[in-house]
C-alpha atoms as a PDB file:
ATOM      1  CA  MET A   1       0.000   0.000   0.000  1.00  0.00           C
ATOM      2  CA  ASN A   2       1.150   3.576  -0.625  1.00  0.00           C
ATOM      3  CA  ILE A   3       1.874   5.630   2.512  1.00  0.00           C
ATOM      4  CA  PRO A   4       2.671   9.336   2.068  1.00  0.00           C
ATOM      5  CA  ALA A   5       6.196  10.314   3.014  1.00  0.00           C
ATOM      6  CA  MET A   6       6.500  12.096   6.372  1.00  0.00           C
ATOM      7  CA  LYS A   7       9.119  12.754   9.008  1.00  0.00           C
ATOM      8  CA  MET A   8       9.052  10.354  11.937  1.00  0.00           C
ATOM      9  CA  ASN A   9      11.321   9.586  14.817  1.00  0.00           C
ATOM     10  CA  ARG A  10      12.037   6.128  16.085  1.00  0.00           C
ATOM     11  CA  GLN A  11       9.659   6.318  19.013  1.00  0.00           C
ATOM     12  CA  SER A  12       6.674   7.475  16.981  1.00  0.00           C
ATOM     13  CA  LEU A  13       7.273   4.626  14.550  1.00  0.00           C
ATOM     14  CA  LEU A  14       7.396   2.066  17.363  1.00  0.00           C
ATOM     15  CA  ASP A  15       4.200   3.493  18.843  1.00  0.00           C
ATOM     16  CA  ALA A  16       2.473   3.226  15.479  1.00  0.00           C
ATOM     17  CA  LEU A  17       3.383  -0.436  15.234  1.00  0.00           C
ATOM     18  CA  LYS A  18       1.754  -1.325  18.531  1.00  0.00           C
ATOM     19  CA  SER A  19      -1.848  -1.451  17.337  1.00  0.00           C
ATOM     20  CA  ALA A  20      -3.981  -1.483  14.231  1.00  0.00           C
ATOM     21  CA  GLU A  21      -5.690   1.776  15.243  1.00  0.00           C
ATOM     22  CA  ALA A  22      -2.400   3.637  15.510  1.00  0.00           C
ATOM     23  CA  MET A  23      -1.145   2.251  12.215  1.00  0.00           C
ATOM     24  CA  ARG A  24      -4.403   3.132  10.477  1.00  0.00           C
ATOM     25  CA  SER A  25      -4.250   6.668  11.828  1.00  0.00           C
ATOM     26  CA  LEU A  26      -0.660   7.042  10.642  1.00  0.00           C
ATOM     27  CA  ARG A  27      -1.507   5.685   7.235  1.00  0.00           C
ATOM     28  CA  PHE A  28      -4.212   8.250   6.511  1.00  0.00           C
ATOM     29  CA  GLN A  29      -2.348  11.183   8.007  1.00  0.00           C
ATOM     30  CA  GLY A  30      -2.499  14.079   5.545  1.00  0.00           C
ATOM     31  CA  ARG A  31      -5.245  12.476   3.416  1.00  0.00           C
ATOM     32  CA  GLU A  32      -8.989  12.866   3.656  1.00  0.00           C
ATOM     33  CA  THR A  33      -9.991   9.689   1.854  1.00  0.00           C
ATOM     34  CA  VAL A  34      -8.586   6.349   0.856  1.00  0.00           C
ATOM     35  CA  VAL A  35      -6.704   6.174  -2.429  1.00  0.00           C
ATOM     36  CA  PRO A  36      -9.184   5.169  -5.220  1.00  0.00           C
ATOM     37  CA  ILE A  37      -9.166   1.453  -5.855  1.00  0.00           C
ATOM     38  CA  LEU A  38      -8.279   1.906  -9.544  1.00  0.00           C
ATOM     39  CA  ALA A  39      -5.153   3.946  -8.733  1.00  0.00           C
ATOM     40  CA  LEU A  40      -3.132   0.851  -7.906  1.00  0.00           C
ATOM     41  CA  THR A  41       0.577   0.204  -7.970  1.00  0.00           C
ATOM     42  CA  PRO A  42       1.844  -2.834  -9.954  1.00  0.00           C
ATOM     43  CA  ALA A  43       2.252  -4.753  -6.684  1.00  0.00           C
ATOM     44  CA  GLU A  44      -1.300  -3.935  -5.634  1.00  0.00           C
ATOM     45  CA  LYS A  45      -2.614  -4.989  -9.046  1.00  0.00           C
ATOM     46  CA  ASN A  46      -0.843  -8.338  -8.731  1.00  0.00           C
ATOM     47  CA  LEU A  47      -2.293  -8.771  -5.250  1.00  0.00           C
ATOM     48  CA  ALA A  48      -5.791  -7.844  -6.463  1.00  0.00           C
ATOM     49  CA  ASP A  49      -5.433 -10.322  -9.311  1.00  0.00           C
ATOM     50  CA  TRP A  50      -4.414 -13.148  -6.984  1.00  0.00           C
ATOM     51  CA  LEU A  51      -7.107 -12.379  -4.409  1.00  0.00           C
ATOM     52  CA  GLY A  52      -9.761 -12.056  -7.113  1.00  0.00           C
ATOM     53  CA  ARG A  53      -8.992 -15.542  -8.397  1.00  0.00           C
ATOM     54  CA  LEU A  54      -9.132 -16.869  -4.849  1.00  0.00           C
ATOM     55  CA  LYS A  55     -12.557 -15.322  -4.243  1.00  0.00           C
ATOM     56  CA  LEU A  56     -13.767 -16.861  -7.496  1.00  0.00           C
ATOM     57  CA  LEU A  57     -12.796 -20.225  -5.978  1.00  0.00           C
ATOM     58  CA  HIS A  58      -9.709 -20.812  -8.129  1.00  0.00           C
ATOM     59  CA  GLY A  59      -7.415 -23.213  -6.308  1.00  0.00           C
ATOM     60  CA  ILE A  60     -10.070 -24.266  -3.782  1.00  0.00           C
ATOM     61  CA  PRO A  61     -10.131 -28.091  -3.515  1.00  0.00           C
ATOM     62  CA  PHE A  62     -13.300 -29.510  -5.025  1.00  0.00           C
ATOM     63  CA  ASN A  63     -14.138 -31.453  -1.868  1.00  0.00           C
ATOM     64  CA  TYR A  64     -14.364 -28.081  -0.069  1.00  0.00           C
ATOM     65  CA  LEU A  65     -17.120 -27.093  -2.504  1.00  0.00           C
ATOM     66  CA  VAL A  66     -18.889 -30.472  -2.644  1.00  0.00           C
ATOM     67  CA  ALA A  67     -18.203 -32.438   0.507  1.00  0.00           C
ATOM     68  CA  ASP A  68     -19.794 -35.671  -0.735  1.00  0.00           C
ATOM     69  CA  GLU A  69     -20.245 -36.966  -4.283  1.00  0.00           C
ATOM     70  CA  ARG A  70     -23.854 -37.829  -3.474  1.00  0.00           C
ATOM     71  CA  MET A  71     -24.559 -34.090  -3.205  1.00  0.00           C
ATOM     72  CA  LEU A  72     -23.848 -33.770  -6.947  1.00  0.00           C
ATOM     73  CA  PRO A  73     -24.858 -36.998  -8.723  1.00  0.00           C
ATOM     74  CA  MET A  74     -24.684 -37.428 -12.491  1.00  0.00           C
ATOM     75  CA  GLU A  75     -27.305 -35.518 -14.493  1.00  0.00           C
ATOM     76  CA  SER A  76     -27.940 -33.003 -11.729  1.00  0.00           C
ATOM     77  CA  ILE A  77     -27.630 -29.261 -11.191  1.00  0.00           C
ATOM     78  CA  ARG A  78     -27.144 -27.515  -7.839  1.00  0.00           C
ATOM     79  CA  PHE A  79     -27.720 -23.794  -7.291  1.00  0.00           C
ATOM     80  CA  PHE A  80     -25.958 -21.959  -4.473  1.00  0.00           C
ATOM     81  CA  TYR A  81     -25.189 -18.662  -2.778  1.00  0.00           C
ATOM     82  CA  CYS A  82     -21.561 -17.856  -1.974  1.00  0.00           C
ATOM     83  CA  ASP A  83     -21.157 -16.997   1.702  1.00  0.00           C
ATOM     84  CA  THR A  84     -19.358 -13.639   1.519  1.00  0.00           C
ATOM     85  CA  ILE A  85     -18.071 -14.068   5.089  1.00  0.00           C
ATOM     86  CA  TRP A  86     -16.571 -17.426   4.125  1.00  0.00           C
ATOM     87  CA  LEU A  87     -14.926 -15.822   1.076  1.00  0.00           C
ATOM     88  CA  ASP A  88     -13.507 -13.059   3.285  1.00  0.00           C
ATOM     89  CA  TYR A  89     -12.134 -15.667   5.675  1.00  0.00           C
ATOM     90  CA  VAL A  90     -10.523 -17.493   2.751  1.00  0.00           C
ATOM     91  CA  THR A  91      -8.773 -14.254   1.835  1.00  0.00           C
ATOM     92  CA  GLU A  92      -7.706 -13.524   5.383  1.00  0.00           C
ATOM     93  CA  GLY A  93      -6.535 -17.089   5.867  1.00  0.00           C
ATOM     94  CA  ALA A  94      -4.379 -16.935   2.755  1.00  0.00           C
ATOM     95  CA  MET A  95      -2.807 -13.654   3.897  1.00  0.00           C
ATOM     96  CA  SER A  96      -2.102 -15.010   7.376  1.00  0.00           C
ATOM     97  CA  LEU A  97       0.423 -17.560   6.125  1.00  0.00           C
ATOM     98  CA  GLY A  98       3.305 -15.098   6.470  1.00  0.00           C
ATOM     99  CA  ARG A  99       2.131 -13.623   9.794  1.00  0.00           C
ATOM    100  CA  SER A 100       4.384 -14.480  12.692  1.00  0.00           C
ATOM    101  CA  THR A 101       4.621 -11.393  14.943  1.00  0.00           C
ATOM    102  CA  SER A 102       2.245  -8.997  16.694  1.00  0.00           C
ATOM    103  CA  VAL A 103       3.464  -6.176  14.435  1.00  0.00           C
ATOM    104  CA  GLU A 104       2.400  -8.144  11.347  1.00  0.00           C
ATOM    105  CA  GLN A 105      -0.935  -8.842  13.042  1.00  0.00           C
ATOM    106  CA  ALA A 106      -1.474  -5.115  13.618  1.00  0.00           C
ATOM    107  CA  HIS A 107      -0.442  -4.367  10.038  1.00  0.00           C
ATOM    108  CA  ASP A 108      -2.971  -6.869   8.643  1.00  0.00           C
ATOM    109  CA  GLN A 109      -5.765  -5.452  10.775  1.00  0.00           C
ATOM    110  CA  ALA A 110      -4.951  -1.911   9.661  1.00  0.00           C
ATOM    111  CA  PHE A 111      -5.080  -2.818   5.990  1.00  0.00           C
ATOM    112  CA  LEU A 112      -7.895  -5.403   6.176  1.00  0.00           C
ATOM    113  CA  SER A 113     -10.516  -3.153   4.550  1.00  0.00           C
ATOM    114  CA  ASP A 114      -8.176  -2.417   1.640  1.00  0.00           C
ATOM    115  CA  LEU A 115      -7.437  -6.123   1.318  1.00  0.00           C
ATOM    116  CA  HIS A 116     -11.102  -6.916   0.806  1.00  0.00           C
ATOM    117  CA  ALA A 117     -11.506  -3.965  -1.571  1.00  0.00           C
ATOM    118  CA  LEU A 118      -8.624  -5.275  -3.656  1.00  0.00           C
ATOM    119  CA  SER A 119     -10.155  -8.748  -3.751  1.00  0.00           C
ATOM    120  CA  ARG A 120     -13.516  -7.415  -4.947  1.00  0.00           C
ATOM    121  CA  HIS A 121     -11.746  -5.396  -7.621  1.00  0.00           C
ATOM    122  CA  GLY A 122      -9.766  -8.469  -8.634  1.00  0.00           C
ATOM    123  CA  MET A 123     -12.937 -10.505  -9.136  1.00  0.00           C
ATOM    124  CA  LYS A 124     -14.033  -8.158 -11.934  1.00  0.00           C
ATOM    125  CA  VAL A 125     -10.513  -8.008 -13.393  1.00  0.00           C
ATOM    126  CA  GLN A 126     -10.514 -11.787 -13.753  1.00  0.00           C
ATOM    127  CA  ARG A 127     -13.639 -11.579 -15.846  1.00  0.00           C
ATOM    128  CA  THR A 128     -12.103  -9.152 -18.337  1.00  0.00           C
ATOM    129  CA  LYS A 129      -8.933 -11.240 -18.547  1.00  0.00           C
ATOM    130  CA  GLU A 130     -10.910 -14.346 -19.448  1.00  0.00           C
ATOM    131  CA  VAL A 131     -13.348 -12.602 -21.759  1.00  0.00           C
ATOM    132  CA  GLY A 132     -11.848 -14.392 -24.750  1.00  0.00           C
ATOM    133  CA  HIS A 133     -13.139 -17.633 -23.256  1.00  0.00           C
ATOM    134  CA  LEU A 134     -16.339 -16.317 -21.676  1.00  0.00           C
ATOM    135  CA  VAL A 135     -17.528 -14.277 -24.648  1.00  0.00           C
ATOM    136  CA  HIS A 136     -18.900 -17.434 -26.260  1.00  0.00           C
ATOM    137  CA  HIS A 137     -21.164 -17.916 -23.243  1.00  0.00           C
ATOM    138  CA  MET A 138     -22.418 -14.332 -22.895  1.00  0.00           C
ATOM    139  CA  ALA A 139     -25.617 -12.750 -24.090  1.00  0.00           C
ATOM    140  CA  ALA A 140     -25.115  -9.939 -26.614  1.00  0.00           C
ATOM    141  CA  ALA A 141     -26.196  -7.251 -24.152  1.00  0.00           C
ATOM    142  CA  GLU A 142     -23.785  -8.523 -21.521  1.00  0.00           C
ATOM    143  CA  LYS A 143     -20.783  -8.210 -23.841  1.00  0.00           C
ATOM    144  CA  LEU A 144     -21.303  -4.444 -23.795  1.00  0.00           C
ATOM    145  CA  ARG A 145     -21.040  -4.277 -20.009  1.00  0.00           C
ATOM    146  CA  LEU A 146     -17.451  -5.450 -19.542  1.00  0.00           C
ATOM    147  CA  SER A 147     -16.522  -3.387 -16.505  1.00  0.00           C
ATOM    148  CA  THR A 148     -13.619  -3.479 -14.076  1.00  0.00           C
ATOM    149  CA  GLU A 149     -15.445  -1.573 -11.351  1.00  0.00           C
ATOM    150  CA  PRO A 150     -15.061  -3.495  -8.080  1.00  0.00           C
ATOM    151  CA  ILE A 151     -17.940  -5.583  -6.791  1.00  0.00           C
ATOM    152  CA  PRO A 152     -19.722  -3.748  -3.942  1.00  0.00           C
ATOM    153  CA  ALA A 153     -18.864  -4.948  -0.461  1.00  0.00           C
ATOM    154  CA  ASN A 154     -22.430  -6.103   0.181  1.00  0.00           C
ATOM    155  CA  GLU A 155     -22.877  -7.750  -3.216  1.00  0.00           C
ATOM    156  CA  THR A 156     -24.135 -11.306  -3.454  1.00  0.00           C
ATOM    157  CA  VAL A 157     -22.375 -13.899  -5.607  1.00  0.00           C
ATOM    158  CA  THR A 158     -24.519 -16.811  -6.777  1.00  0.00           C
ATOM    159  CA  GLY A 159     -23.990 -19.679  -9.158  1.00  0.00           C
ATOM    160  CA  PHE A 160     -24.501 -23.316  -9.955  1.00  0.00           C
ATOM    161  CA  LEU A 161     -22.693 -26.605 -10.441  1.00  0.00           C
ATOM    162  CA  LEU A 162     -23.848 -28.770 -13.350  1.00  0.00           C
ATOM    163  CA  ARG A 163     -22.769 -32.399 -13.601  1.00  0.00           C
ATOM    164  CA  SER A 164     -24.034 -33.870 -16.836  1.00  0.00           C
ATOM    165  CA  GLY A 165     -23.084 -35.442 -20.124  1.00  0.00           C
ATOM    166  CA  VAL A 166     -24.127 -32.231 -21.892  1.00  0.00           C
ATOM    167  CA  VAL A 167     -21.086 -30.466 -20.399  1.00  0.00           C
ATOM    168  CA  SER A 168     -18.685 -32.632 -22.381  1.00  0.00           C
ATOM    169  CA  GLY A 169     -21.060 -33.153 -25.305  1.00  0.00           C
ATOM    170  CA  TRP A 170     -21.674 -29.452 -26.007  1.00  0.00           C
ATOM    171  CA  GLU A 171     -18.475 -27.492 -25.367  1.00  0.00           C
ATOM    172  CA  GLY A 172     -20.026 -24.276 -26.701  1.00  0.00           C
ATOM    173  CA  LEU A 173     -22.777 -24.397 -24.102  1.00  0.00           C
ATOM    174  CA  GLN A 174     -24.137 -20.898 -23.401  1.00  0.00           C
ATOM    175  CA  VAL A 175     -25.410 -19.833 -20.007  1.00  0.00           C
ATOM    176  CA  GLU A 176     -27.486 -16.754 -19.251  1.00  0.00           C
ATOM    177  CA  ALA A 177     -28.556 -15.649 -15.782  1.00  0.00           C
ATOM    178  CA  PHE A 178     -31.208 -13.138 -14.748  1.00  0.00           C
ATOM    179  CA  SER A 179     -32.119 -11.361 -11.540  1.00  0.00           C
ATOM    180  CA  ASP A 180     -35.833 -11.788 -12.288  1.00  0.00           C
ATOM    181  CA  VAL A 181     -38.070 -14.689 -13.263  1.00  0.00           C
ATOM    182  CA  ALA A 182     -39.233 -12.856 -16.408  1.00  0.00           C
ATOM    183  CA  GLN A 183     -35.601 -12.920 -17.649  1.00  0.00           C
ATOM    184  CA  THR A 184     -35.399  -9.218 -18.484  1.00  0.00           C
ATOM    185  CA  HIS A 185     -32.438  -8.171 -16.293  1.00  0.00           C
ATOM    186  CA  SER A 186     -29.271 -10.178 -16.902  1.00  0.00           C
ATOM    187  CA  CYS A 187     -26.587 -10.833 -14.279  1.00  0.00           C
ATOM    188  CA  THR A 188     -22.862 -10.445 -14.883  1.00  0.00           C
ATOM    189  CA  LEU A 189     -20.964 -13.675 -15.468  1.00  0.00           C
ATOM    190  CA  LEU A 190     -17.843 -13.779 -13.283  1.00  0.00           C
ATOM    191  CA  ARG A 191     -16.516 -17.273 -13.897  1.00  0.00           C
ATOM    192  CA  MET A 192     -17.397 -20.231 -16.100  1.00  0.00           C
ATOM    193  CA  ASP A 193     -15.101 -23.239 -15.889  1.00  0.00           C
ATOM    194  CA  HIS A 194     -15.085 -26.946 -16.627  1.00  0.00           C
ATOM    195  CA  LEU A 195     -13.847 -28.473 -13.353  1.00  0.00           C
ATOM    196  CA  SER A 196     -13.857 -31.858 -15.051  1.00  0.00           C
ATOM    197  CA  PRO A 197     -15.089 -33.173 -18.412  1.00  0.00           C
ATOM    198  CA  ASN A 198     -18.661 -33.344 -17.083  1.00  0.00           C
ATOM    199  CA  VAL A 199     -18.741 -30.726 -14.277  1.00  0.00           C
ATOM    200  CA  LEU A 200     -19.405 -27.056 -15.036  1.00  0.00           C
ATOM    201  CA  LEU A 201     -19.056 -24.230 -12.485  1.00  0.00           C
ATOM    202  CA  CYS A 202     -20.648 -20.815 -13.070  1.00  0.00           C
ATOM    203  CA  LEU A 203     -20.496 -17.752 -10.805  1.00  0.00           C
ATOM    204  CA  PHE A 204     -22.511 -14.569 -11.268  1.00  0.00           C
ATOM    205  CA  GLU A 205     -22.555 -11.146  -9.667  1.00  0.00           C
ATOM    206  CA  GLY A 206     -25.837 -10.546  -7.869  1.00  0.00           C
ATOM    207  CA  GLU A 207     -28.723 -12.764  -6.832  1.00  0.00           C
ATOM    208  CA  VAL A 208     -29.804 -14.927  -9.758  1.00  0.00           C
ATOM    209  CA  ARG A 209     -33.490 -15.881  -9.945  1.00  0.00           C
ATOM    210  CA  SER A 210     -33.504 -17.725 -13.266  1.00  0.00           C
ATOM    211  CA  PHE A 211     -31.048 -19.413 -15.646  1.00  0.00           C
ATOM    212  CA  ARG A 212     -31.195 -20.262 -19.336  1.00  0.00           C
ATOM    213  CA  ILE A 213     -28.834 -22.933 -20.671  1.00  0.00           C
ATOM    214  CA  HIS A 214     -28.609 -23.643 -24.393  1.00  0.00           C
ATOM    215  CA  GLU A 215     -26.280 -24.385 -27.254  1.00  0.00           C
ATOM    216  CA  TYR A 216     -24.537 -21.559 -29.058  1.00  0.00           C
ATOM    217  CA  PRO A 217     -27.319 -19.670 -30.931  1.00  0.00           C
ATOM    218  CA  GLU A 218     -25.604 -19.956 -34.316  1.00  0.00           C
ATOM    219  CA  VAL A 219     -25.610 -23.751 -34.164  1.00  0.00           C
ATOM    220  CA  LEU A 220     -28.320 -24.894 -36.607  1.00  0.00           C
ATOM    221  CA  HIS A 221     -28.944 -28.505 -37.508  1.00  0.00           C
ATOM    222  CA  PHE A 222     -31.525 -30.965 -38.753  1.00  0.00           C
ATOM    223  CA  GLY A 223     -33.686 -32.412 -36.025  1.00  0.00           C
ATOM    224  CA  VAL A 224     -36.892 -34.244 -35.147  1.00  0.00           C
ATOM    225  CA  SER A 225     -39.300 -34.123 -32.227  1.00  0.00           C
ATOM    226  CA  VAL A 226     -40.184 -36.760 -29.650  1.00  0.00           C
ATOM    227  CA  SER A 227     -43.766 -37.930 -30.110  1.00  0.00           C
ATOM    228  CA  SER A 228     -46.236 -39.315 -27.587  1.00  0.00           C
ATOM    229  CA  LYS A 229     -47.840 -41.549 -30.225  1.00  0.00           C
ATOM    230  CA  ASP A 230     -47.533 -45.305 -29.705  1.00  0.00           C
ATOM    231  CA  GLY A 231     -45.086 -46.935 -32.105  1.00  0.00           C
ATOM    232  CA  HIS A 232     -43.895 -43.612 -33.509  1.00  0.00           C
ATOM    233  CA  PRO A 233     -41.650 -41.966 -30.902  1.00  0.00           C
ATOM    234  CA  LEU A 234     -40.017 -39.646 -33.456  1.00  0.00           C
ATOM    235  CA  GLU A 235     -41.834 -37.290 -35.786  1.00  0.00           C
ATOM    236  CA  LYS A 236     -41.351 -34.158 -37.867  1.00  0.00           C
ATOM    237  CA  SER A 237     -44.018 -31.491 -38.222  1.00  0.00           C
ATOM    238  CA  PHE A 238     -44.184 -29.114 -41.195  1.00  0.00           C
ATOM    239  CA  ARG A 239     -43.487 -25.431 -41.771  1.00  0.00           C
ATOM    240  CA  TYR A 240     -45.166 -23.206 -44.330  1.00  0.00           C
ATOM    241  CA  VAL A 241     -42.890 -22.971 -47.384  1.00  0.00           C
ATOM    242  CA  VAL A 242     -44.432 -19.742 -48.711  1.00  0.00           C
ATOM    243  CA  ASP A 243     -46.742 -17.108 -47.279  1.00  0.00           C
ATOM    244  CA  THR A 244     -50.392 -18.199 -47.229  1.00  0.00           C
ATOM    245  CA  GLN A 245     -53.565 -16.942 -45.620  1.00  0.00           C
ATOM    246  CA  ALA A 246     -53.085 -19.548 -42.890  1.00  0.00           C
ATOM    247  CA  GLY A 247     -49.497 -18.611 -42.029  1.00  0.00           C
ATOM    248  CA  LYS A 248     -46.251 -17.030 -43.111  1.00  0.00           C
ATOM    249  CA  ALA A 249     -43.253 -18.871 -44.559  1.00  0.00           C
ATOM    250  CA  GLY A 250     -41.277 -20.600 -41.836  1.00  0.00           C
ATOM    251  CA  GLU A 251     -44.151 -20.747 -39.340  1.00  0.00           C
ATOM    252  CA  GLN A 252     -45.229 -24.079 -37.918  1.00  0.00           C
ATOM    253  CA  VAL A 253     -48.141 -25.839 -39.628  1.00  0.00           C
ATOM    254  CA  PRO A 254     -50.792 -27.074 -37.135  1.00  0.00           C
ATOM    255  CA  ASP A 255     -51.233 -30.857 -37.008  1.00  0.00           C
ATOM    256  CA  GLY A 256     -54.873 -30.365 -37.928  1.00  0.00           C
ATOM    257  CA  VAL A 257     -53.770 -28.933 -41.297  1.00  0.00           C
ATOM    258  CA  ALA A 258     -50.895 -31.317 -42.066  1.00  0.00           C
ATOM    259  CA  GLU A 259     -50.145 -34.202 -39.769  1.00  0.00           C
ATOM    260  CA  ALA A 260     -46.530 -34.685 -38.707  1.00  0.00           C
ATOM    261  CA  ILE A 261     -44.535 -37.426 -40.476  1.00  0.00           C
ATOM    262  CA  ALA A 262     -43.481 -40.494 -38.482  1.00  0.00           C
ATOM    263  CA  ILE A 263     -39.686 -40.701 -38.890  1.00  0.00           C
ATOM    264  CA  GLN A 264     -39.511 -44.460 -38.092  1.00  0.00           C
ATOM    265  CA  LYS A 265     -41.099 -45.255 -41.435  1.00  0.00           C
ATOM    266  CA  TYR A 266     -38.015 -43.904 -43.208  1.00  0.00           C
ATOM    267  CA  MET A 267     -35.263 -45.447 -41.059  1.00  0.00           C
ATOM    268  CA  ARG A 268     -33.143 -48.454 -41.944  1.00  0.00           C
ATOM    269  CA  LYS A 269     -33.966 -51.164 -39.405  1.00  0.00           C
ATOM    270  CA  GLU A 270     -30.418 -52.432 -38.995  1.00  0.00           C
ATOM    271  CA  THR A 271     -28.683 -49.071 -38.516  1.00  0.00           C
ATOM    272  CA  LYS A 272     -31.501 -46.638 -37.588  1.00  0.00           C
ATOM    273  CA  VAL A 273     -30.158 -44.273 -40.273  1.00  0.00           C
ATOM    274  CA  VAL A 274     -32.808 -42.113 -41.946  1.00  0.00           C
ATOM    275  CA  ARG A 275     -33.323 -42.653 -45.671  1.00  0.00           C
ATOM    276  CA  MET A 276     -33.238 -38.951 -46.496  1.00  0.00           C
ATOM    277  CA  ASN A 277     -34.350 -39.277 -50.134  1.00  0.00           C
ATOM    278  CA  ASP A 278     -37.445 -41.286 -49.155  1.00  0.00           C
ATOM    279  CA  LEU A 279     -38.226 -38.836 -46.360  1.00  0.00           C
ATOM    280  CA  ALA A 280     -37.916 -35.856 -48.732  1.00  0.00           C
ATOM    281  CA  LEU A 281     -40.279 -37.479 -51.254  1.00  0.00           C
ATOM    282  CA  ALA A 282     -42.812 -38.211 -48.505  1.00  0.00           C
ATOM    283  CA  MET A 283     -42.636 -34.626 -47.312  1.00  0.00           C
ATOM    284  CA  LYS A 284     -43.134 -33.312 -50.813  1.00  0.00           C
ATOM    285  CA  ALA A 285     -46.205 -35.498 -51.307  1.00  0.00           C
ATOM    286  CA  GLN A 286     -47.708 -34.527 -47.956  1.00  0.00           C
ATOM    287  CA  LEU A 287     -47.173 -30.821 -48.609  1.00  0.00           C
ATOM    288  CA  ALA A 288     -48.654 -31.090 -52.111  1.00  0.00           C
ATOM    289  CA  LYS A 289     -51.832 -32.594 -50.671  1.00  0.00           C
ATOM    290  CA  LYS A 290     -52.288 -29.987 -47.953  1.00  0.00           C
ATOM    291  CA  ILE A 291     -50.603 -26.619 -48.345  1.00  0.00           C
ATOM    292  CA  TYR A 292     -47.871 -26.368 -51.026  1.00  0.00           C
ATOM    293  CA  ASN A 293     -47.596 -27.710 -54.560  1.00  0.00           C
ATOM    294  CA  GLY A 294     -44.538 -25.816 -55.806  1.00  0.00           C
ATOM    295  CA  ALA A 295     -40.919 -26.851 -56.316  1.00  0.00           C
ATOM    296  CA  PHE A 296     -39.459 -28.985 -53.531  1.00  0.00           C
ATOM    297  CA  THR A 297     -35.666 -28.781 -53.714  1.00  0.00           C
ATOM    298  CA  SER A 298     -32.932 -29.138 -51.105  1.00  0.00           C
ATOM    299  CA  ALA A 299     -33.786 -25.606 -49.905  1.00  0.00           C
ATOM    300  CA  GLU A 300     -37.401 -26.495 -49.099  1.00  0.00           C
ATOM    301  CA  PHE A 301     -36.290 -29.765 -47.509  1.00  0.00           C
ATOM    302  CA  ALA A 302     -33.820 -27.868 -45.309  1.00  0.00           C
ATOM    303  CA  LEU A 303     -36.550 -25.429 -44.269  1.00  0.00           C
ATOM    304  CA  GLU A 304     -38.663 -28.344 -43.071  1.00  0.00           C
ATOM    305  CA  MET A 305     -35.839 -30.188 -41.292  1.00  0.00           C
ATOM    306  CA  VAL A 306     -33.770 -27.404 -39.714  1.00  0.00           C
ATOM    307  CA  GLU A 307     -34.045 -26.699 -35.998  1.00  0.00           C
ATOM    308  CA  GLY A 308     -32.614 -24.041 -33.757  1.00  0.00           C
ATOM    309  CA  VAL A 309     -30.915 -24.680 -30.433  1.00  0.00           C
ATOM    310  CA  GLU A 310     -32.716 -26.178 -27.487  1.00  0.00           C
ATOM    311  CA  ALA A 311     -32.935 -24.100 -24.317  1.00  0.00           C
ATOM    312  CA  VAL A 312     -33.595 -25.235 -20.756  1.00  0.00           C
ATOM    313  CA  ASN A 313     -34.838 -22.706 -18.202  1.00  0.00           C
ATOM    314  CA  PHE A 314     -34.438 -22.956 -14.445  1.00  0.00           C
ATOM    315  CA  THR A 315     -36.141 -20.779 -11.852  1.00  0.00           C
ATOM    316  CA  VAL A 316     -34.627 -20.375  -8.380  1.00  0.00           C
ATOM    317  CA  GLN A 317     -37.113 -20.045  -5.579  1.00  0.00           C
ATOM    318  CA  GLU A 318     -36.793 -17.126  -3.212  1.00  0.00           C
ATOM    319  CA  LYS A 319     -34.954 -17.758   0.018  1.00  0.00           C
ATOM    320  CA  ALA A 320     -37.175 -18.597   2.967  1.00  0.00           C
ATOM    321  CA  PRO A 321     -37.606 -15.638   5.371  1.00  0.00           C
END
């Protein structure tokens, strides 16, 4: 920390080292306020960086976060609040490793508030440093809010642990968090890490009330739907190819107008591979009967088969009073 230069004799220095109150008074002599958190020396920036990573749980053994494997079984998600007091104690515990005298104890007490301020600043700095990785998991509006302002002292940090095959299966998984159930106010993503091939940790600034987890929005692919009909578990409903009085191009066609096609009829029994040419011909015939009798090329077939990304929404109940 920076202390303004002043003339001192030996006795006044020894007196200042006797207690945290005396050291704090000496430190702020000649200044009305604390030095702004952004006006940091290189050493302070390094300390803020290290403390920020610590408060974002970097380096914390996993069994400290999940004491028993049964608390996080496969195909489960667990939401949590970070105990800010516990995080402060982690910081203080790490800084106590080099403390061996009463003078060092008084020094740590005098600078404790600055220590926590540095750690909160470092939490935001970590986010900007890892933005190259996190940007793929951020909503568009959130990318515009990349700030290094320190997290307020009374701010809540919330998050979740996801243990599932989707973590390893979809590496571009995108996570959005909101402070309201209506999902109109997004929360700042602080950390998103794969702790193992199938365990994902996410931390957010603020109290999160709802989450949305989905594949990267630009990932488009062919897909079918799961049906409740006996003997036909997979089906594909139609979209309007051109604008009609019943609907615009691209909109879903109601089953009452054109019944969905059972995919099993066009799958090879031995391999379960779809016979795409047969499926395309069946689609063309069904459309010609009901809603569209124009050209049916690969473009029209793609319009019928393409699907966007799937999204799963979670709502976190309010804490009990």
